[in-house]
Amino acid sequence: LVEWLVKRVVVRNHPIHDGMQLLLQYEAEEERITKLVVKVQAQWRRLKSKRTAKDKALGRYEKIFVREYRTFAYRDLETGERQWSKPKLLGEVSLADPVDEWREEVSCDPETGVATRYFVNHATGQSSWFSEEDAARMVQRRFRQKHESDIIGAKIQLPDIVKAVKFIQEARGKYEQEPTRLANIVNYALLTHCIDLDFVKARVLYGEAMMASPRHPLICRAFGIFLLATRHGPPAETFQRVCRMLNDAAVVDPTVSKFDSAAEIYFRWAVLVNSKNPLVLLNYALLYQCVYKKYDIADKIYRTALSFDPCNTLVFENYELFTSQRYPGGEYECAGPPISVVNRSTILETKTGSEWSKRVDPECPRPGFEVFYYNRFTKETRFEAPDWDKWYKMRVSTRSKIVGSKTGSLVEYFDTRTETSFFYDLLTKRYQERPGNLN
């Protein structure tokens, strides 16, 4: 029995009191198991707390791109503070790269307590006071302003507005007071033509003005624009008649000084107050076509008018006549077609490193002029091929430099605009794009 007890008795120091403690083996085993259980539970709670802390850290921190330093940082979502090193709570877990999107955030001033809304893209490090929608509206507004300024020109100043309004108001009253006076008839005809768009009344008034002074340059130009705008009579006969009237006006008033006030007060003012009306824009396009002879501007105004009303017969027929007369032999003959033709054309050939391309217009209204040349830098168009020798000399004198060493009789030039090389043969005195390949 004593031997059995000796094997099953454990003697140890008392954990609380001084002295020794006698335990049976099963009691010691129970205590050992209890300690192991407590230790395992502690380890589990420690692991669970780490996981909880890591989960909270994952939700508390985000990875952001700092644009000025071109690197990533970690931002505390609760405090807004950022740090360059990864938070220790994350351990070996890596945060995902920020999503490329704009989102709204609020910044609070610690001194005043005022909250300010702003927008940020943490993938690019960009920030803005405007949302994507606000920015898009601003871009659209600026584009419309630029488009309108291209058509209307410089912004009209307040004194000019006052002058125009006063002049227009007086034009009605003066005509009612003295309907037989030529100046009153002309001003009221312009008013009914450009502002009121009352073509029936304008025709009568212009007829009276032409009877009184058939050679006056202002009357000839205004009535000529009116005849084209309204498509009165047989088109070919009307066009020839208008051309004669405009030529007569150019002889008497070659600088167009006698027409400038009418153009500003009536034609331009009509566009300012009614810029989306296709007939108003038609009058304005005819002004640049017939009087100022600025055909590219006229082309742009025509296309703007058609964008508002593609089915407007008066605008479409005038634009068709205008474009047909821009080809060689026409009244508005140009060196090349307008940009609108470039947009619908296809490339036939492009010289290596050249800004010139040879193109074809599939919808050309004049047979024989389907092919033309286009410069992608200057936007110049030509029906005839450029003078290549003259063009090469221009490249040498303005934007090219000699590179490398001379190979035989060839001198190599590098064009800084096109970022390509070309060569000059000292023996043949000719330029070429490649060595041994005469241009």
Protein backbone atom coordinates (compact mmCIF):
# COMPACT_ATOMS: atom_id res chain seq x y z
CA LEU A 1 0.00 0.00 0.00
CA VAL A 2 2.80 2.36 0.91
CA GLU A 3 4.53 1.61 -2.37
CA TRP A 4 1.28 2.21 -4.29
CA LEU A 5 0.74 5.53 -2.44
CA VAL A 6 4.33 6.65 -3.05
CA LYS A 7 3.84 6.19 -6.78
CA ARG A 8 0.58 8.13 -6.77
CA VAL A 9 1.48 11.03 -4.45
CA VAL A 10 3.01 14.30 -5.63
CA VAL A 11 4.79 16.63 -3.25
CA ARG A 12 5.32 20.26 -4.34
CA ASN A 13 5.58 23.77 -3.03
CA HIS A 14 2.22 25.27 -2.13
CA PRO A 15 1.28 27.85 -4.80
CA ILE A 16 -0.19 30.24 -2.23
CA HIS A 17 1.13 29.50 1.25
CA ASP A 18 4.62 28.77 2.46
CA GLY A 19 5.36 25.14 2.90
CA MET A 20 4.81 21.94 1.03
CA GLN A 21 1.65 20.54 -0.51
CA LEU A 22 0.72 16.88 -0.86
CA LEU A 23 -1.41 15.93 -3.88
CA LEU A 24 -2.63 12.66 -5.20
CA GLN A 25 -1.65 11.87 -8.76
CA TYR A 26 -5.15 12.31 -10.18
CA GLU A 27 -5.43 15.75 -8.52
CA ALA A 28 -2.10 16.82 -10.01
CA GLU A 29 -3.21 15.51 -13.43
CA GLU A 30 -6.48 17.44 -13.22
CA GLU A 31 -4.55 20.57 -12.32
CA ARG A 32 -2.13 20.05 -15.22
CA ILE A 33 -4.99 19.56 -17.65
CA THR A 34 -6.70 22.65 -16.27
CA LYS A 35 -3.52 24.69 -16.84
CA LEU A 36 -3.21 23.38 -20.37
CA VAL A 37 -6.85 24.26 -21.06
CA VAL A 38 -6.32 27.77 -19.71
CA LYS A 39 -3.17 28.16 -21.80
CA VAL A 40 -4.93 26.99 -24.97
CA GLN A 41 -7.86 29.32 -24.27
CA ALA A 42 -5.44 32.20 -23.77
CA GLN A 43 -3.73 31.41 -27.02
CA TRP A 44 -7.09 31.23 -28.80
CA ARG A 45 -8.22 34.56 -27.32
CA ARG A 46 -4.89 36.13 -28.34
CA LEU A 47 -5.26 34.79 -31.89
CA LYS A 48 -8.87 35.91 -32.07
CA SER A 49 -7.99 39.39 -30.83
CA LYS A 50 -5.22 39.62 -33.43
CA ARG A 51 -7.64 38.61 -36.16
CA THR A 52 -10.20 41.13 -34.90
CA ALA A 53 -7.54 43.85 -34.76
CA LYS A 54 -6.38 42.94 -38.27
CA ASP A 55 -9.95 43.03 -39.58
CA LYS A 56 -10.44 46.42 -37.96
CA ALA A 57 -7.14 47.60 -39.42
CA LEU A 58 -8.23 46.43 -42.87
CA GLY A 59 -11.37 48.51 -42.52
CA ARG A 60 -9.56 51.44 -40.95
CA TYR A 61 -6.70 51.87 -43.41
CA GLU A 62 -6.65 52.31 -47.16
CA LYS A 63 -3.86 52.49 -49.68
CA ILE A 64 -3.61 55.79 -51.56
CA PHE A 65 -1.31 57.20 -54.24
CA VAL A 66 0.50 60.43 -53.31
CA ARG A 67 0.97 62.33 -56.56
CA GLU A 68 3.68 64.76 -55.46
CA TYR A 69 5.97 61.93 -54.26
CA ARG A 70 4.93 59.38 -56.89
CA THR A 71 4.49 56.62 -54.30
CA PHE A 72 1.83 54.91 -52.20
CA ALA A 73 0.93 55.71 -48.58
CA TYR A 74 -1.51 54.36 -45.98
CA ARG A 75 -4.35 56.56 -44.81
CA ASP A 76 -6.23 56.25 -41.51
CA LEU A 77 -9.91 56.58 -42.41
CA GLU A 78 -10.85 57.70 -38.88
CA THR A 79 -8.24 60.41 -38.38
CA GLY A 80 -7.31 61.18 -41.98
CA GLU A 81 -3.62 60.85 -41.12
CA ARG A 82 -1.32 59.07 -43.51
CA GLN A 83 1.89 57.12 -43.08
CA TRP A 84 4.46 55.80 -45.52
CA SER A 85 5.08 52.40 -43.87
CA LYS A 86 2.48 49.66 -43.68
CA PRO A 87 0.64 49.58 -40.29
CA LYS A 88 1.97 46.76 -38.07
CA LEU A 89 -1.57 45.59 -37.35
CA LEU A 90 -1.85 44.47 -40.96
CA GLY A 91 0.93 41.98 -40.52
CA GLU A 92 1.67 40.16 -43.74
CA VAL A 93 -1.68 41.19 -45.31
CA SER A 94 -1.33 43.61 -48.25
CA LEU A 95 -3.98 46.20 -48.99
CA ALA A 96 -5.34 46.27 -52.52
CA ASP A 97 -4.32 49.13 -54.81
CA PRO A 98 -6.86 51.99 -54.85
CA VAL A 99 -9.66 51.88 -57.41
CA ASP A 100 -9.44 54.40 -60.26
CA GLU A 101 -12.59 56.36 -59.47
CA TRP A 102 -13.61 59.73 -58.12
CA ARG A 103 -15.38 59.87 -54.78
CA GLU A 104 -16.72 62.59 -52.55
CA GLU A 105 -15.05 63.32 -49.21
CA VAL A 106 -15.45 65.95 -46.50
CA SER A 107 -12.65 67.89 -44.81
CA CYS A 108 -13.36 69.59 -41.48
CA ASP A 109 -11.35 72.64 -40.34
CA PRO A 110 -10.25 71.92 -36.74
CA GLU A 111 -10.29 75.62 -35.82
CA THR A 112 -13.56 76.78 -37.35
CA GLY A 113 -15.33 73.42 -37.56
CA VAL A 114 -16.43 74.23 -41.10
CA ALA A 115 -16.85 71.15 -43.29
CA THR A 116 -15.74 71.39 -46.93
CA ARG A 117 -16.75 68.99 -49.66
CA TYR A 118 -14.21 67.91 -52.26
CA PHE A 119 -13.57 65.06 -54.67
CA VAL A 120 -10.53 62.80 -54.86
CA ASN A 121 -9.16 59.94 -56.93
CA HIS A 122 -6.78 57.95 -54.72
CA ALA A 123 -5.54 55.83 -57.63
CA THR A 124 -4.06 58.87 -59.40
CA GLY A 125 -3.59 61.19 -56.43
CA GLN A 126 -5.74 63.87 -58.02
CA SER A 127 -8.22 66.06 -56.14
CA SER A 128 -10.77 68.63 -57.24
CA TRP A 129 -13.47 70.87 -55.87
CA PHE A 130 -15.71 69.67 -58.71
CA SER A 131 -17.43 66.34 -59.24
CA GLU A 132 -17.11 64.49 -62.54
CA GLU A 133 -20.56 65.77 -63.53
CA ASP A 134 -19.62 69.37 -62.64
CA ALA A 135 -16.34 69.08 -64.53
CA ALA A 136 -18.11 67.63 -67.57
CA ARG A 137 -20.59 70.49 -67.56
CA MET A 138 -17.75 73.02 -67.34
CA VAL A 139 -15.95 71.40 -70.28
CA GLN A 140 -19.16 71.40 -72.30
CA ARG A 141 -19.78 75.04 -71.42
CA ARG A 142 -16.26 76.04 -72.41
CA PHE A 143 -16.59 74.08 -75.67
CA ARG A 144 -19.86 75.85 -76.48
CA GLN A 145 -18.27 79.21 -75.67
CA LYS A 146 -15.29 78.39 -77.88
CA HIS A 147 -17.59 77.20 -80.65
CA GLU A 148 -19.70 80.36 -80.39
CA SER A 149 -16.63 82.59 -80.31
CA ASP A 150 -15.33 80.90 -83.47
CA ILE A 151 -18.61 81.78 -85.16
CA ILE A 152 -19.48 85.15 -83.64
CA GLY A 153 -15.97 86.44 -83.03
CA ALA A 154 -14.90 88.55 -80.07
CA LYS A 155 -17.42 89.15 -77.32
CA ILE A 156 -19.58 92.18 -77.91
CA GLN A 157 -19.01 94.92 -75.33
CA LEU A 158 -21.72 96.65 -73.30
CA PRO A 159 -21.47 99.97 -75.18
CA ASP A 160 -21.92 98.07 -78.45
CA ILE A 161 -24.97 96.27 -77.02
CA VAL A 162 -26.53 99.57 -75.97
CA LYS A 163 -25.79 101.05 -79.39
CA ALA A 164 -27.28 98.07 -81.23
CA VAL A 165 -30.46 97.94 -79.12
CA LYS A 166 -30.98 101.68 -79.46
CA PHE A 167 -30.37 101.58 -83.22
CA ILE A 168 -32.79 98.68 -83.73
CA GLN A 169 -35.52 100.35 -81.67
CA GLU A 170 -35.08 103.61 -83.54
CA ALA A 171 -35.17 101.86 -86.93
CA ARG A 172 -38.83 100.92 -86.40
CA GLY A 173 -39.86 104.32 -85.14
CA LYS A 174 -38.04 106.29 -87.82
CA TYR A 175 -39.55 104.20 -90.61
CA GLU A 176 -43.03 104.76 -89.21
CA GLN A 177 -42.35 108.52 -89.07
CA GLU A 178 -40.68 108.84 -92.49
CA PRO A 179 -41.35 105.72 -94.58
CA THR A 180 -40.11 107.34 -97.80
CA ARG A 181 -36.64 108.25 -96.57
CA LEU A 182 -34.02 105.90 -98.07
CA ALA A 183 -31.98 105.45 -94.86
CA ASN A 184 -35.13 104.49 -92.94
CA ILE A 185 -36.17 102.03 -95.65
CA VAL A 186 -32.74 100.34 -95.68
CA ASN A 187 -32.50 100.06 -91.89
CA TYR A 188 -36.01 98.69 -91.58
CA ALA A 189 -35.35 96.23 -94.42
CA LEU A 190 -32.27 94.95 -92.58
CA LEU A 191 -34.30 94.71 -89.37
CA THR A 192 -37.10 92.67 -90.93
CA HIS A 193 -34.56 90.54 -92.82
CA CYS A 194 -32.07 89.72 -90.02
CA ILE A 195 -33.91 90.20 -86.72
CA ASP A 196 -37.61 89.62 -87.47
CA LEU A 197 -36.97 87.08 -90.27
CA ASP A 198 -40.04 88.51 -92.03
CA PHE A 199 -38.89 87.81 -95.57
CA VAL A 200 -42.13 88.96 -97.21
CA LYS A 201 -41.92 92.45 -95.74
CA ALA A 202 -38.15 92.57 -96.26
CA ARG A 203 -38.58 91.81 -99.97
CA VAL A 204 -40.90 94.79 -100.42
CA LEU A 205 -38.57 97.12 -98.51
CA TYR A 206 -35.47 95.98 -100.40
CA GLY A 207 -37.36 96.49 -103.67
CA GLU A 208 -38.10 100.11 -102.70
CA ALA A 209 -34.46 100.66 -101.70
CA MET A 210 -33.13 99.22 -104.97
CA MET A 211 -35.52 101.43 -106.96
CA ALA A 212 -34.20 104.49 -105.12
CA SER A 213 -30.47 103.62 -105.25
CA PRO A 214 -29.61 100.52 -107.32
CA ARG A 215 -25.79 101.06 -107.08
CA HIS A 216 -25.45 101.73 -103.34
CA PRO A 217 -22.92 99.17 -101.99
CA LEU A 218 -24.75 98.57 -98.70
CA ILE A 219 -28.08 97.97 -100.45
CA CYS A 220 -26.52 95.73 -103.11
CA ARG A 221 -24.76 93.56 -100.53
CA ALA A 222 -27.73 93.29 -98.16
CA PHE A 223 -30.21 92.58 -100.97
CA GLY A 224 -27.80 90.07 -102.56
CA ILE A 225 -27.56 88.15 -99.27
CA PHE A 226 -31.35 88.28 -99.00
CA LEU A 227 -31.87 86.91 -102.52
CA LEU A 228 -29.53 83.97 -101.86
CA ALA A 229 -31.02 83.29 -98.41
CA THR A 230 -34.59 83.17 -99.73
CA ARG A 231 -33.68 81.32 -102.97
CA HIS A 232 -35.87 83.71 -104.95
CA GLY A 233 -36.26 82.90 -108.64
CA PRO A 234 -34.29 80.41 -110.76
CA PRO A 235 -31.17 79.49 -108.75
CA ALA A 236 -28.62 79.96 -111.56
CA GLU A 237 -30.05 83.32 -112.68
CA THR A 238 -30.35 84.55 -109.09
CA PHE A 239 -26.78 83.56 -108.30
CA GLN A 240 -25.41 85.35 -111.37
CA ARG A 241 -27.46 88.45 -110.54
CA VAL A 242 -26.17 88.46 -106.95
CA CYS A 243 -22.58 88.05 -108.14
CA ARG A 244 -22.94 91.11 -110.38
CA MET A 245 -24.45 93.14 -107.51
CA LEU A 246 -21.63 92.13 -105.15
CA ASN A 247 -18.97 92.95 -107.75
CA ASP A 248 -20.52 96.40 -108.30
CA ALA A 249 -20.51 96.97 -104.55
CA ALA A 250 -16.85 95.93 -104.32
CA VAL A 251 -15.91 98.51 -106.93
CA VAL A 252 -17.59 101.34 -105.01
CA ASP A 253 -16.63 100.11 -101.52
CA PRO A 254 -13.59 97.80 -101.80
CA THR A 255 -12.82 97.94 -98.04
CA VAL A 256 -16.43 97.06 -97.03
CA SER A 257 -16.39 100.05 -94.65
CA LYS A 258 -19.90 101.10 -95.68
CA PHE A 259 -21.26 97.70 -94.64
CA ASP A 260 -19.47 97.15 -91.31
CA SER A 261 -22.07 98.88 -89.15
CA ALA A 262 -24.94 96.95 -90.75
CA ALA A 263 -23.03 93.69 -90.29
CA GLU A 264 -22.39 94.43 -86.61
CA ILE A 265 -25.81 95.81 -85.68
CA TYR A 266 -28.07 93.47 -87.64
CA PHE A 267 -26.30 90.29 -88.77
CA ARG A 268 -24.08 89.72 -85.74
CA TRP A 269 -26.66 90.94 -83.23
CA ALA A 270 -29.19 88.48 -84.65
CA VAL A 271 -26.76 85.62 -83.96
CA LEU A 272 -26.10 86.86 -80.42
CA VAL A 273 -29.78 86.87 -79.50
CA ASN A 274 -30.89 83.88 -81.58
CA SER A 275 -27.81 81.71 -82.10
CA LYS A 276 -29.69 78.43 -82.69
CA ASN A 277 -31.97 79.64 -85.46
CA PRO A 278 -30.80 78.14 -88.79
CA LEU A 279 -32.08 81.10 -90.82
CA VAL A 280 -30.18 83.57 -88.64
CA LEU A 281 -27.05 81.47 -89.09
CA LEU A 282 -27.74 81.25 -92.83
CA ASN A 283 -27.69 85.06 -93.09
CA TYR A 284 -24.45 85.13 -91.09
CA ALA A 285 -22.84 82.45 -93.28
CA LEU A 286 -23.80 84.40 -96.42
CA LEU A 287 -22.25 87.52 -94.87
CA TYR A 288 -18.85 85.80 -94.62
CA GLN A 289 -19.33 84.08 -97.97
CA CYS A 290 -20.43 87.06 -100.06
CA VAL A 291 -19.01 90.13 -98.29
CA TYR A 292 -15.97 89.17 -96.22
CA LYS A 293 -14.97 86.22 -98.44
CA LYS A 294 -13.81 84.20 -95.44
CA TYR A 295 -14.92 80.86 -96.78
CA ASP A 296 -13.68 78.59 -93.99
CA ILE A 297 -15.68 80.59 -91.43
CA ALA A 298 -18.72 80.53 -93.69
CA ASP A 299 -18.35 76.75 -94.02
CA LYS A 300 -18.29 76.35 -90.23
CA ILE A 301 -21.41 78.51 -89.81
CA TYR A 302 -23.25 76.55 -92.49
CA ARG A 303 -22.46 73.27 -90.75
CA THR A 304 -23.58 74.71 -87.41
CA ALA A 305 -26.90 75.76 -88.94
CA LEU A 306 -27.40 72.29 -90.42
CA SER A 307 -26.63 70.70 -87.05
CA PHE A 308 -29.66 72.52 -85.63
CA ASP A 309 -31.92 71.71 -88.60
CA PRO A 310 -30.50 69.17 -91.08
CA CYS A 311 -33.69 69.33 -93.17
CA ASN A 312 -33.79 73.09 -93.66
CA THR A 313 -34.05 73.46 -97.44
CA LEU A 314 -32.78 77.05 -97.60
CA VAL A 315 -29.66 76.27 -95.59
CA PHE A 316 -28.95 72.99 -97.37
CA GLU A 317 -29.34 74.39 -100.89
CA ASN A 318 -27.20 77.44 -100.12
CA TYR A 319 -24.49 75.26 -98.58
CA GLU A 320 -24.59 72.94 -101.58
CA LEU A 321 -24.19 75.90 -103.95
CA PHE A 322 -21.43 77.37 -101.80
CA THR A 323 -19.37 74.15 -101.73
CA SER A 324 -19.79 73.59 -105.48
CA GLN A 325 -18.45 77.10 -106.16
CA ARG A 326 -15.32 76.55 -104.05
CA TYR A 327 -13.72 74.34 -106.68
CA PRO A 328 -11.41 75.72 -109.42
CA GLY A 329 -13.45 77.77 -111.88
CA GLY A 330 -16.12 78.58 -109.30
CA GLU A 331 -17.03 81.98 -107.86
CA TYR A 332 -15.38 81.13 -104.52
CA GLU A 333 -12.43 79.28 -106.00
CA CYS A 334 -9.98 78.05 -103.35
CA ALA A 335 -6.63 76.30 -103.45
CA GLY A 336 -8.27 73.24 -101.86
CA PRO A 337 -11.52 71.88 -100.40
CA PRO A 338 -12.79 72.78 -96.90
CA ILE A 339 -12.01 70.79 -93.74
CA SER A 340 -15.47 69.19 -93.91
CA VAL A 341 -14.30 67.39 -97.07
CA VAL A 342 -11.10 66.25 -95.32
CA ASN A 343 -13.20 64.61 -92.60
CA ARG A 344 -15.07 62.44 -95.10
CA SER A 345 -12.10 61.67 -97.35
CA THR A 346 -9.83 58.63 -97.40
CA ILE A 347 -6.04 58.53 -97.69
CA LEU A 348 -4.56 57.35 -100.98
CA GLU A 349 -0.89 57.97 -100.26
CA THR A 350 1.33 59.46 -97.56
CA LYS A 351 4.99 60.24 -98.07
CA THR A 352 7.27 58.72 -95.44
CA GLY A 353 7.71 61.28 -92.66
CA SER A 354 5.66 63.84 -94.55
CA GLU A 355 2.83 65.87 -93.13
CA TRP A 356 1.19 65.86 -96.57
CA SER A 357 -1.24 63.13 -97.52
CA LYS A 358 -2.91 62.50 -100.86
CA ARG A 359 -6.66 61.99 -100.37
CA VAL A 360 -9.82 61.27 -102.32
CA ASP A 361 -13.30 62.70 -101.69
CA PRO A 362 -15.95 60.01 -102.36
CA GLU A 363 -18.74 62.62 -102.41
CA CYS A 364 -17.06 65.24 -104.60
CA PRO A 365 -19.74 67.25 -106.50
CA ARG A 366 -17.29 68.31 -109.23
CA PRO A 367 -15.85 65.52 -111.43
CA GLY A 368 -12.10 65.79 -111.81
CA PHE A 369 -11.45 67.28 -108.39
CA GLU A 370 -11.91 64.19 -106.24
CA VAL A 371 -8.19 63.99 -105.38
CA PHE A 372 -6.50 66.62 -103.22
CA TYR A 373 -3.60 67.06 -100.78
CA TYR A 374 -3.87 67.76 -97.04
CA ASN A 375 -1.28 68.99 -94.52
CA ARG A 376 -1.97 67.49 -91.11
CA PHE A 377 -0.07 70.23 -89.27
CA THR A 378 -1.15 73.43 -91.02
CA LYS A 379 -4.61 72.05 -92.05
CA GLU A 380 -3.93 73.38 -95.55
CA THR A 381 -5.65 71.70 -98.49
CA ARG A 382 -4.61 71.82 -102.17
CA PHE A 383 -5.97 70.42 -105.40
CA GLU A 384 -2.50 70.57 -106.91
CA ALA A 385 0.48 68.73 -105.46
CA PRO A 386 2.75 70.92 -103.33
CA ASP A 387 6.00 72.20 -104.83
CA TRP A 388 8.11 69.48 -103.19
CA ASP A 389 11.45 71.16 -103.84
CA LYS A 390 10.23 74.39 -102.26
CA TRP A 391 8.72 72.43 -99.38
CA TYR A 392 11.99 70.58 -98.69
CA LYS A 393 13.90 73.85 -98.68
CA MET A 394 11.45 75.23 -96.14
CA ARG A 395 12.03 72.17 -93.93
CA VAL A 396 15.80 72.69 -94.14
CA SER A 397 15.66 76.39 -93.29
CA THR A 398 13.07 76.35 -90.50
CA ARG A 399 12.99 73.07 -88.60
CA SER A 400 15.72 70.62 -89.66
CA LYS A 401 19.31 70.00 -88.67
CA ILE A 402 22.16 67.98 -90.16
CA VAL A 403 22.73 64.70 -88.35
CA GLY A 404 25.33 61.97 -88.68
CA SER A 405 28.21 62.08 -91.10
CA LYS A 406 27.98 62.59 -94.84
CA THR A 407 27.58 59.31 -96.70
CA GLY A 408 28.98 59.73 -100.18
CA SER A 409 27.09 62.60 -101.79
CA LEU A 410 24.12 62.40 -99.33
CA VAL A 411 23.55 64.84 -96.48
CA GLU A 412 21.11 63.63 -93.81
CA TYR A 413 18.68 66.09 -92.20
CA PHE A 414 16.42 65.47 -89.21
CA ASP A 415 13.00 67.19 -89.24
CA THR A 416 12.09 68.10 -85.64
CA ARG A 417 8.39 68.45 -86.46
CA THR A 418 7.81 65.09 -88.10
CA GLU A 419 10.72 63.48 -86.20
CA THR A 420 11.96 61.80 -89.38
CA SER A 421 15.07 62.04 -91.54
CA PHE A 422 15.41 63.00 -95.19
CA PHE A 423 18.42 63.40 -97.48
CA TYR A 424 19.91 65.84 -99.95
CA ASP A 425 22.02 64.58 -102.84
CA LEU A 426 24.86 67.01 -103.53
CA LEU A 427 25.35 65.57 -107.03
CA THR A 428 21.78 65.64 -108.33
CA LYS A 429 20.71 68.64 -106.17
CA ARG A 430 17.57 66.71 -105.25
CA TYR A 431 15.92 65.82 -101.96
CA GLN A 432 14.82 62.29 -101.10
CA GLU A 433 13.21 60.45 -98.20
CA ARG A 434 15.58 57.45 -98.12
CA PRO A 435 19.21 56.88 -99.09
CA GLY A 436 19.42 55.72 -102.69
CA ASN A 437 15.68 56.32 -103.26
CA LEU A 438 15.24 59.47 -105.29
CA ASN A 439 12.13 61.43 -104.27
